Amino acid sequence: MRSSRFAVRAAVLGALSLPFAFTAQAHAAPAAAPTVASDYCHRTGPWVIDASAVTIRSRATSNSTAVGSLYRGHKFTVHKSSGGWRYITDRTTGVTGWVSGTYVYNEVYVCLD
């Protein structure tokens, strides 16, 4: 589901940028220094879950003991990453442990000028 969402986003962004690909170089405006607005547009958003629930584990392996579940809508903090795993604290329940990075990722904001 996550990869198809990225594919759709890439297709839309590609279609939106298509008219600009054929613009003559002589008509292009000089590049301006980045502004606060462009920094705002490319910021990293909050961590989100791409599943209804994710198992929190004691170690960064799928064979380790389950210590809890992280549900969509729970607030959580990511402390560090190791390989494809994220060490988190579920602020709703207070449980701390590892979750697979396949299901937990940052939202990324992009502004279209």
Protein backbone atom coordinates (compact mmCIF):
# COMPACT_ATOMS: atom_id res chain seq x y z
CA MET A 1 0.00 0.00 0.00
CA ARG A 2 2.81 2.38 0.89
CA SER A 3 4.70 1.77 -2.35
CA SER A 4 1.57 2.31 -4.47
CA ARG A 5 0.94 5.62 -2.67
CA PHE A 6 4.48 6.74 -3.52
CA ALA A 7 4.02 5.64 -7.13
CA VAL A 8 0.85 7.72 -7.44
CA ARG A 9 2.55 10.74 -5.85
CA ALA A 10 5.52 10.39 -8.23
CA ALA A 11 3.22 10.13 -11.25
CA VAL A 12 1.28 13.25 -10.22
CA LEU A 13 4.44 15.24 -9.56
CA GLY A 14 5.89 14.09 -12.87
CA ALA A 15 2.74 15.15 -14.74
CA LEU A 16 2.76 18.54 -13.02
CA SER A 17 6.40 19.18 -13.91
CA LEU A 18 6.06 18.08 -17.54
CA PRO A 19 5.19 21.56 -18.97
CA PHE A 20 8.32 22.98 -17.33
CA ALA A 21 10.60 20.39 -18.93
CA PHE A 22 10.09 21.96 -22.36
CA THR A 23 10.63 25.60 -21.35
CA ALA A 24 13.51 27.22 -23.23
CA GLN A 25 16.55 27.95 -21.08
CA ALA A 26 16.74 31.59 -22.31
CA HIS A 27 13.38 32.34 -20.67
CA ALA A 28 14.23 30.86 -17.30
CA ALA A 29 14.45 33.27 -14.38
CA PRO A 30 17.75 33.45 -12.53
CA ALA A 31 17.94 31.19 -9.51
CA ALA A 32 17.16 33.02 -6.30
CA ALA A 33 18.53 32.24 -2.89
CA PRO A 34 16.34 29.88 -0.84
CA THR A 35 13.71 31.64 1.16
CA VAL A 36 12.06 30.79 4.43
CA ALA A 37 9.03 29.57 2.47
CA SER A 38 11.07 26.99 0.53
CA ASP A 39 12.66 25.74 3.75
CA TYR A 40 9.15 25.41 5.16
CA CYS A 41 8.02 23.43 2.12
CA HIS A 42 10.74 20.80 2.35
CA ARG A 43 10.52 20.11 6.06
CA THR A 44 10.07 16.64 7.51
CA GLY A 45 6.72 16.02 9.12
CA PRO A 46 5.68 13.87 12.04
CA TRP A 47 6.25 10.13 12.25
CA VAL A 48 3.22 8.11 11.11
CA ILE A 49 2.16 4.47 10.99
CA ASP A 50 1.27 2.84 7.66
CA ALA A 51 -0.79 0.02 9.22
CA SER A 52 -3.67 -0.32 11.65
CA ALA A 53 -1.29 -1.70 14.29
CA VAL A 54 2.42 -2.48 14.61
CA THR A 55 4.03 -4.84 17.13
CA ILE A 56 6.51 -3.24 19.54
CA ARG A 57 9.38 -5.66 20.19
CA SER A 58 12.07 -5.91 22.87
CA ARG A 59 14.89 -6.04 20.28
CA ALA A 60 15.28 -5.03 16.63
CA THR A 61 14.38 -8.48 15.24
CA SER A 62 11.09 -10.02 14.24
CA ASN A 63 11.88 -13.05 16.43
CA SER A 64 12.16 -11.04 19.67
CA THR A 65 9.50 -10.82 22.37
CA ALA A 66 6.48 -8.59 21.70
CA VAL A 67 6.13 -5.97 24.45
CA GLY A 68 3.12 -4.09 23.09
CA SER A 69 1.30 -2.73 20.08
CA LEU A 70 1.43 0.68 18.45
CA TYR A 71 -1.92 1.59 16.92
CA ARG A 72 -2.69 4.16 14.23
CA GLY A 73 -3.53 7.43 15.95
CA HIS A 74 -1.20 6.86 18.90
CA LYS A 75 1.36 9.58 19.52
CA PHE A 76 4.91 8.24 19.62
CA THR A 77 8.51 9.41 19.64
CA VAL A 78 11.31 7.87 17.57
CA HIS A 79 14.60 7.93 19.49
CA LYS A 80 16.94 6.19 17.04
CA SER A 81 17.09 3.92 14.01
CA SER A 82 19.06 0.73 13.46
CA GLY A 83 18.90 -0.97 10.10
CA GLY A 84 15.25 -1.13 9.17
CA TRP A 85 14.04 -0.71 12.77
CA ARG A 86 13.00 2.31 14.86
CA TYR A 87 13.36 2.55 18.65
CA ILE A 88 10.18 4.28 19.84
CA THR A 89 8.21 5.32 22.90
CA ASP A 90 4.43 5.10 22.60
CA ARG A 91 3.34 8.26 24.42
CA THR A 92 -0.22 6.93 24.74
CA THR A 93 0.73 3.79 26.71
CA GLY A 94 4.34 4.52 27.76
CA VAL A 95 5.67 1.31 26.14
CA THR A 96 9.21 1.54 24.74
CA GLY A 97 10.72 -0.82 22.16
CA TRP A 98 11.52 -1.52 18.52
CA VAL A 99 9.13 -1.40 15.54
CA SER A 100 9.79 -2.25 11.92
CA GLY A 101 10.66 0.76 9.77
CA THR A 102 8.52 -0.75 7.02
CA TYR A 103 5.44 0.54 8.83
CA VAL A 104 6.78 3.68 10.54
CA TYR A 105 8.10 6.64 8.54
CA ASN A 106 8.22 10.45 8.35
CA GLU A 107 5.74 12.42 6.31
CA VAL A 108 7.54 14.75 3.90
CA TYR A 109 6.02 18.07 2.89
CA VAL A 110 6.50 19.47 -0.61
CA CYS A 111 5.07 22.78 -1.84
CA LEU A 112 4.26 23.20 -5.50
CA ASP A 113 5.07 26.72 -6.72
